[in-house]
Amino acid sequence: MPRYEYRCRACGSTFEMSRPMAQAGDPARCPHGHDDTVKLLSTVAVTGGSSTPAPTPRAGGGCCGGGCCS
């Protein structure tokens, strides 16, 4: 179940709630009992491996191989 982060406009506390995606836009009550809350935009860092290795630089260096980007 996804976790959503909210901030209370009345007391300034930030809190998280687990709820189904279908309820993501529903109002959330802060832990201190206030109803004036706003859902925060969260960033998600996704990391993982790749089976394709990174390309190796060409001999000569530089972005075009001739050293023009010194």
Protein backbone atom coordinates (compact mmCIF):
# COMPACT_ATOMS: atom_id res chain seq x y z
CA MET A 1 0.00 0.00 0.00
CA PRO A 2 1.49 3.40 -0.93
CA ARG A 3 2.50 5.93 1.72
CA TYR A 4 1.55 9.56 1.26
CA GLU A 5 3.05 12.54 3.06
CA TYR A 6 0.89 15.39 4.33
CA ARG A 7 1.43 18.71 6.11
CA CYS A 8 -1.03 20.28 8.51
CA ARG A 9 -1.65 23.95 7.77
CA ALA A 10 -2.93 24.57 11.29
CA CYS A 11 0.02 23.27 13.34
CA GLY A 12 2.72 22.72 10.69
CA SER A 13 3.30 19.04 11.48
CA THR A 14 4.27 16.69 8.68
CA PHE A 15 2.97 13.11 8.75
CA GLU A 16 2.58 10.04 6.55
CA MET A 17 -0.40 7.81 5.90
CA SER A 18 -0.68 4.45 4.18
CA ARG A 19 -3.79 4.29 2.05
CA PRO A 20 -4.96 2.81 -1.25
CA MET A 21 -4.23 4.82 -4.39
CA ALA A 22 -7.96 5.29 -4.89
CA GLN A 23 -8.01 7.33 -1.65
CA ALA A 24 -4.85 9.37 -2.37
CA GLY A 25 -6.82 12.59 -2.89
CA ASP A 26 -9.15 12.15 0.09
CA PRO A 27 -8.80 14.57 3.03
CA ALA A 28 -6.42 13.50 5.79
CA ARG A 29 -6.68 14.44 9.47
CA CYS A 30 -3.40 15.32 11.17
CA PRO A 31 -2.35 13.38 14.28
CA HIS A 32 -3.25 16.45 16.40
CA GLY A 33 -6.86 16.43 15.12
CA HIS A 34 -6.75 19.25 12.55
CA ASP A 35 -8.54 18.85 9.22
CA ASP A 36 -6.72 21.58 7.23
CA THR A 37 -4.03 19.42 5.59
CA VAL A 38 -2.36 19.32 2.21
CA LYS A 39 -0.77 16.34 0.44
CA LEU A 40 2.91 16.93 -0.29
CA LEU A 41 4.60 16.07 -3.54
CA SER A 42 7.06 13.30 -2.78
CA THR A 43 10.07 12.29 -4.79
CA VAL A 44 10.92 8.67 -5.27
CA ALA A 45 14.43 7.40 -5.85
CA VAL A 46 14.47 4.25 -7.90
CA THR A 47 17.74 2.41 -8.14
CA GLY A 48 18.59 -0.82 -9.80
CA GLY A 49 21.16 -2.67 -11.73
CA SER A 50 21.50 -2.92 -15.43
CA SER A 51 22.73 -5.87 -17.40
CA THR A 52 24.22 -3.49 -20.00
CA PRO A 53 27.61 -2.07 -19.04
CA ALA A 54 28.29 1.65 -19.39
CA PRO A 55 30.10 2.61 -22.59
CA THR A 56 33.85 3.08 -22.31
CA PRO A 57 35.42 6.31 -23.57
CA ARG A 58 37.29 6.24 -26.86
CA ALA A 59 41.02 6.72 -27.02
CA GLY A 60 41.93 10.39 -27.31
CA GLY A 61 39.42 11.59 -24.72
CA GLY A 62 37.10 14.56 -25.03
CA CYS A 63 33.48 14.54 -26.07
CA CYS A 64 34.28 14.02 -29.75
CA GLY A 65 37.40 11.95 -29.32
CA GLY A 66 39.73 14.70 -30.51
CA GLY A 67 40.17 16.69 -27.33
CA CYS A 68 38.22 19.73 -28.60
CA CYS A 69 36.37 20.08 -25.28
CA SER A 70 39.30 21.02 -23.07
